Amino acid sequence: MREKEIVALCELALLQLPPERQKRLAQGIEEMVEYFQILTEFQPEDDGVEQQQPSASPLREDIPSQPFSTEALVANAPAERRNFFLVPNVL
């Protein structure tokens, strides 16, 4: 990256870096860009590993049903007031 681009990037990120740190930042960014270029060139079929096929979902189907009544739910609560669960204070 050019020095001008690094200075603009530092301004956008609200960074105040001395020149030697700006050079290190530029080198790091260039290394990342090179690595991403390698990744974009990677072809999965070239590695000898077969692609996995999506498997069937182990989850059950979402079948609509009647909701529980409020009375049935609060009947299982250890404590209840006006159809709300009472729980101990945590803080």
C-alpha atoms as a PDB file:
ATOM      1  CA  MET A   1       0.000   0.000   0.000  1.00  0.00           C
ATOM      2  CA  ARG A   2       1.118   3.489  -0.672  1.00  0.00           C
ATOM      3  CA  GLU A   3       1.900   5.864   2.167  1.00  0.00           C
ATOM      4  CA  LYS A   4      -0.977   8.116   1.139  1.00  0.00           C
ATOM      5  CA  GLU A   5      -3.458   5.230   1.468  1.00  0.00           C
ATOM      6  CA  ILE A   6      -2.123   4.296   4.903  1.00  0.00           C
ATOM      7  CA  VAL A   7      -2.411   7.883   6.129  1.00  0.00           C
ATOM      8  CA  ALA A   8      -6.011   8.053   4.849  1.00  0.00           C
ATOM      9  CA  LEU A   9      -6.810   4.699   6.469  1.00  0.00           C
ATOM     10  CA  CYS A  10      -5.364   5.860   9.802  1.00  0.00           C
ATOM     11  CA  GLU A  11      -7.430   9.040   9.625  1.00  0.00           C
ATOM     12  CA  LEU A  12     -10.614   7.062   8.947  1.00  0.00           C
ATOM     13  CA  ALA A  13      -9.852   4.728  11.854  1.00  0.00           C
ATOM     14  CA  LEU A  14      -8.913   7.677  14.092  1.00  0.00           C
ATOM     15  CA  LEU A  15      -5.432   6.210  14.579  1.00  0.00           C
ATOM     16  CA  GLN A  16      -2.357   8.284  15.251  1.00  0.00           C
ATOM     17  CA  LEU A  17       0.575   6.090  14.281  1.00  0.00           C
ATOM     18  CA  PRO A  18       4.217   7.092  13.962  1.00  0.00           C
ATOM     19  CA  PRO A  19       5.770   6.506  10.501  1.00  0.00           C
ATOM     20  CA  GLU A  20       7.500   3.238  11.498  1.00  0.00           C
ATOM     21  CA  ARG A  21       4.177   1.783  12.712  1.00  0.00           C
ATOM     22  CA  GLN A  22       2.496   2.963   9.507  1.00  0.00           C
ATOM     23  CA  LYS A  23       5.092   1.004   7.513  1.00  0.00           C
ATOM     24  CA  ARG A  24       4.412  -2.130   9.599  1.00  0.00           C
ATOM     25  CA  LEU A  25       0.683  -1.640   9.092  1.00  0.00           C
ATOM     26  CA  ALA A  26       1.188  -1.345   5.326  1.00  0.00           C
ATOM     27  CA  GLN A  27       3.247  -4.552   5.278  1.00  0.00           C
ATOM     28  CA  GLY A  28       0.624  -6.388   7.302  1.00  0.00           C
ATOM     29  CA  ILE A  29      -2.171  -5.255   5.013  1.00  0.00           C
ATOM     30  CA  GLU A  30      -0.192  -6.287   1.940  1.00  0.00           C
ATOM     31  CA  GLU A  31       0.404  -9.743   3.449  1.00  0.00           C
ATOM     32  CA  MET A  32      -3.327 -10.115   4.136  1.00  0.00           C
ATOM     33  CA  VAL A  33      -4.222  -9.082   0.583  1.00  0.00           C
ATOM     34  CA  GLU A  34      -1.721 -11.606  -0.823  1.00  0.00           C
ATOM     35  CA  TYR A  35      -3.204 -14.327   1.386  1.00  0.00           C
ATOM     36  CA  PHE A  36      -6.743 -13.491   0.249  1.00  0.00           C
ATOM     37  CA  GLN A  37      -5.600 -13.628  -3.364  1.00  0.00           C
ATOM     38  CA  ILE A  38      -4.275 -17.136  -2.731  1.00  0.00           C
ATOM     39  CA  LEU A  39      -7.614 -18.102  -1.178  1.00  0.00           C
ATOM     40  CA  THR A  40      -9.595 -16.783  -4.138  1.00  0.00           C
ATOM     41  CA  GLU A  41      -7.453 -18.893  -6.488  1.00  0.00           C
ATOM     42  CA  PHE A  42      -8.024 -22.055  -4.454  1.00  0.00           C
ATOM     43  CA  GLN A  43     -10.184 -24.626  -6.200  1.00  0.00           C
ATOM     44  CA  PRO A  44     -11.717 -27.158  -3.764  1.00  0.00           C
ATOM     45  CA  GLU A  45     -11.841 -29.909  -6.390  1.00  0.00           C
ATOM     46  CA  ASP A  46      -8.066 -29.680  -6.765  1.00  0.00           C
ATOM     47  CA  ASP A  47      -7.320 -30.860  -3.226  1.00  0.00           C
ATOM     48  CA  GLY A  48      -8.505 -34.451  -3.700  1.00  0.00           C
ATOM     49  CA  VAL A  49     -11.143 -34.193  -0.995  1.00  0.00           C
ATOM     50  CA  GLU A  50     -14.704 -34.851  -2.028  1.00  0.00           C
ATOM     51  CA  GLN A  51     -17.324 -32.239  -1.314  1.00  0.00           C
ATOM     52  CA  GLN A  52     -19.751 -33.254   1.391  1.00  0.00           C
ATOM     53  CA  GLN A  53     -23.366 -33.426   0.394  1.00  0.00           C
ATOM     54  CA  PRO A  54     -25.858 -31.729   2.688  1.00  0.00           C
ATOM     55  CA  SER A  55     -27.455 -34.265   4.987  1.00  0.00           C
ATOM     56  CA  ALA A  56     -31.082 -34.495   5.962  1.00  0.00           C
ATOM     57  CA  SER A  57     -32.077 -32.262   8.823  1.00  0.00           C
ATOM     58  CA  PRO A  58     -32.097 -34.153  12.134  1.00  0.00           C
ATOM     59  CA  LEU A  59     -34.736 -31.745  13.460  1.00  0.00           C
ATOM     60  CA  ARG A  60     -38.390 -32.557  13.555  1.00  0.00           C
ATOM     61  CA  GLU A  61     -40.853 -30.771  11.338  1.00  0.00           C
ATOM     62  CA  ASP A  62     -42.360 -27.627  12.757  1.00  0.00           C
ATOM     63  CA  ILE A  63     -45.995 -28.589  13.103  1.00  0.00           C
ATOM     64  CA  PRO A  64     -48.317 -25.911  14.507  1.00  0.00           C
ATOM     65  CA  SER A  65     -50.255 -26.940  17.580  1.00  0.00           C
ATOM     66  CA  GLN A  66     -52.476 -25.343  20.179  1.00  0.00           C
ATOM     67  CA  PRO A  67     -50.580 -23.231  22.733  1.00  0.00           C
ATOM     68  CA  PHE A  68     -50.722 -24.091  26.410  1.00  0.00           C
ATOM     69  CA  SER A  69     -53.154 -22.124  28.518  1.00  0.00           C
ATOM     70  CA  THR A  70     -51.763 -19.619  30.998  1.00  0.00           C
ATOM     71  CA  GLU A  71     -53.385 -21.523  33.854  1.00  0.00           C
ATOM     72  CA  ALA A  72     -51.659 -24.765  32.844  1.00  0.00           C
ATOM     73  CA  LEU A  73     -48.273 -23.039  32.669  1.00  0.00           C
ATOM     74  CA  VAL A  74     -48.437 -21.220  35.993  1.00  0.00           C
ATOM     75  CA  ALA A  75     -49.778 -24.368  37.651  1.00  0.00           C
ATOM     76  CA  ASN A  76     -46.227 -25.764  37.353  1.00  0.00           C
ATOM     77  CA  ALA A  77     -44.554 -22.644  38.733  1.00  0.00           C
ATOM     78  CA  PRO A  78     -43.064 -22.818  42.239  1.00  0.00           C
ATOM     79  CA  ALA A  79     -44.555 -19.374  42.893  1.00  0.00           C
ATOM     80  CA  GLU A  80     -46.980 -17.248  40.929  1.00  0.00           C
ATOM     81  CA  ARG A  81     -48.723 -13.918  41.200  1.00  0.00           C
ATOM     82  CA  ARG A  82     -51.387 -12.663  38.756  1.00  0.00           C
ATOM     83  CA  ASN A  83     -50.382 -15.239  36.110  1.00  0.00           C
ATOM     84  CA  PHE A  84     -46.662 -14.380  36.280  1.00  0.00           C
ATOM     85  CA  PHE A  85     -43.841 -16.597  37.513  1.00  0.00           C
ATOM     86  CA  LEU A  86     -42.211 -15.336  40.690  1.00  0.00           C
ATOM     87  CA  VAL A  87     -38.465 -15.789  40.803  1.00  0.00           C
ATOM     88  CA  PRO A  88     -35.940 -14.784  43.465  1.00  0.00           C
ATOM     89  CA  ASN A  89     -33.970 -11.582  42.998  1.00  0.00           C
ATOM     90  CA  VAL A  90     -30.589 -12.239  41.438  1.00  0.00           C
ATOM     91  CA  LEU A  91     -28.836  -8.984  42.226  1.00  0.00           C
END
